Amino acid sequence: MTEHTEKDVLMKCTKCGYEEEVPRWLIDELFPNVPEENYMMHCPECDHKMIVKKIIQ
């Protein structure tokens, strides 16, 4: 059994409500020096803004 030690970020679309877990390392590479509560990306379902719902440990 492997143990999951990497942090993920649960992102939620502000329009359609779609949620997706994204590895924090990926977002850190896309947005260096941005506080994690300010991460933002485009929703793959409706192309609207996704924001951080919570940080998953």
C-alpha atoms as a PDB file:
ATOM      1  CA  MET A   1       0.000   0.000   0.000  1.00  0.00           C
ATOM      2  CA  THR A   2       1.369   3.390  -0.955  1.00  0.00           C
ATOM      3  CA  GLU A   3       0.844   6.471   1.129  1.00  0.00           C
ATOM      4  CA  HIS A   4      -0.293   9.695  -0.526  1.00  0.00           C
ATOM      5  CA  THR A   5       1.915  12.488   0.849  1.00  0.00           C
ATOM      6  CA  GLU A   6       1.530  15.081  -1.897  1.00  0.00           C
ATOM      7  CA  LYS A   7      -0.862  17.984  -1.411  1.00  0.00           C
ATOM      8  CA  ASP A   8      -3.718  18.429  -3.852  1.00  0.00           C
ATOM      9  CA  VAL A   9      -5.879  21.459  -4.399  1.00  0.00           C
ATOM     10  CA  LEU A  10      -9.621  21.011  -4.858  1.00  0.00           C
ATOM     11  CA  MET A  11     -10.740  23.545  -7.448  1.00  0.00           C
ATOM     12  CA  LYS A  12     -14.403  24.483  -7.996  1.00  0.00           C
ATOM     13  CA  CYS A  13     -15.979  26.332 -10.913  1.00  0.00           C
ATOM     14  CA  THR A  14     -17.770  29.526  -9.906  1.00  0.00           C
ATOM     15  CA  LYS A  15     -20.354  29.041 -12.669  1.00  0.00           C
ATOM     16  CA  CYS A  16     -21.244  25.359 -13.161  1.00  0.00           C
ATOM     17  CA  GLY A  17     -19.941  23.924  -9.867  1.00  0.00           C
ATOM     18  CA  TYR A  18     -17.581  21.374 -11.495  1.00  0.00           C
ATOM     19  CA  GLU A  19     -14.887  20.227  -9.036  1.00  0.00           C
ATOM     20  CA  GLU A  20     -11.483  18.705  -9.730  1.00  0.00           C
ATOM     21  CA  GLU A  21      -8.438  17.821  -7.629  1.00  0.00           C
ATOM     22  CA  VAL A  22      -5.231  19.272  -9.054  1.00  0.00           C
ATOM     23  CA  PRO A  23      -1.735  18.421  -7.772  1.00  0.00           C
ATOM     24  CA  ARG A  24      -0.317  21.430  -5.950  1.00  0.00           C
ATOM     25  CA  TRP A  25       3.084  21.032  -7.647  1.00  0.00           C
ATOM     26  CA  LEU A  26       1.423  21.571 -11.025  1.00  0.00           C
ATOM     27  CA  ILE A  27      -0.276  24.782  -9.954  1.00  0.00           C
ATOM     28  CA  ASP A  28       2.931  25.983  -8.272  1.00  0.00           C
ATOM     29  CA  GLU A  29       4.740  25.606 -11.613  1.00  0.00           C
ATOM     30  CA  LEU A  30       2.014  27.469 -13.491  1.00  0.00           C
ATOM     31  CA  PHE A  31       1.675  30.248 -10.898  1.00  0.00           C
ATOM     32  CA  PRO A  32       4.955  30.723  -9.011  1.00  0.00           C
ATOM     33  CA  ASN A  33       4.879  33.104  -6.034  1.00  0.00           C
ATOM     34  CA  VAL A  34       1.069  33.163  -5.864  1.00  0.00           C
ATOM     35  CA  PRO A  35      -0.526  32.316  -2.492  1.00  0.00           C
ATOM     36  CA  GLU A  36      -2.437  29.022  -2.739  1.00  0.00           C
ATOM     37  CA  GLU A  37      -5.758  30.627  -1.799  1.00  0.00           C
ATOM     38  CA  ASN A  38      -5.434  32.805  -4.950  1.00  0.00           C
ATOM     39  CA  TYR A  39      -4.959  29.950  -7.440  1.00  0.00           C
ATOM     40  CA  MET A  40      -7.308  30.208 -10.387  1.00  0.00           C
ATOM     41  CA  MET A  41      -7.784  28.207 -13.586  1.00  0.00           C
ATOM     42  CA  HIS A  42     -10.322  27.665 -16.373  1.00  0.00           C
ATOM     43  CA  CYS A  43     -13.061  25.075 -15.996  1.00  0.00           C
ATOM     44  CA  PRO A  44     -12.755  22.192 -18.499  1.00  0.00           C
ATOM     45  CA  GLU A  45     -16.553  21.906 -18.580  1.00  0.00           C
ATOM     46  CA  CYS A  46     -17.711  25.486 -19.232  1.00  0.00           C
ATOM     47  CA  ASP A  47     -14.440  27.486 -19.572  1.00  0.00           C
ATOM     48  CA  HIS A  48     -15.416  29.756 -16.667  1.00  0.00           C
ATOM     49  CA  LYS A  49     -13.227  30.579 -13.635  1.00  0.00           C
ATOM     50  CA  MET A  50     -12.290  27.851 -11.129  1.00  0.00           C
ATOM     51  CA  ILE A  51     -11.115  28.867  -7.667  1.00  0.00           C
ATOM     52  CA  VAL A  52      -9.705  26.997  -4.674  1.00  0.00           C
ATOM     53  CA  LYS A  53     -12.329  25.175  -2.650  1.00  0.00           C
ATOM     54  CA  LYS A  54      -9.837  23.627  -0.213  1.00  0.00           C
ATOM     55  CA  ILE A  55      -6.297  22.321   0.147  1.00  0.00           C
ATOM     56  CA  ILE A  56      -6.215  18.538   0.592  1.00  0.00           C
ATOM     57  CA  GLN A  57      -3.381  17.100   2.680  1.00  0.00           C
END
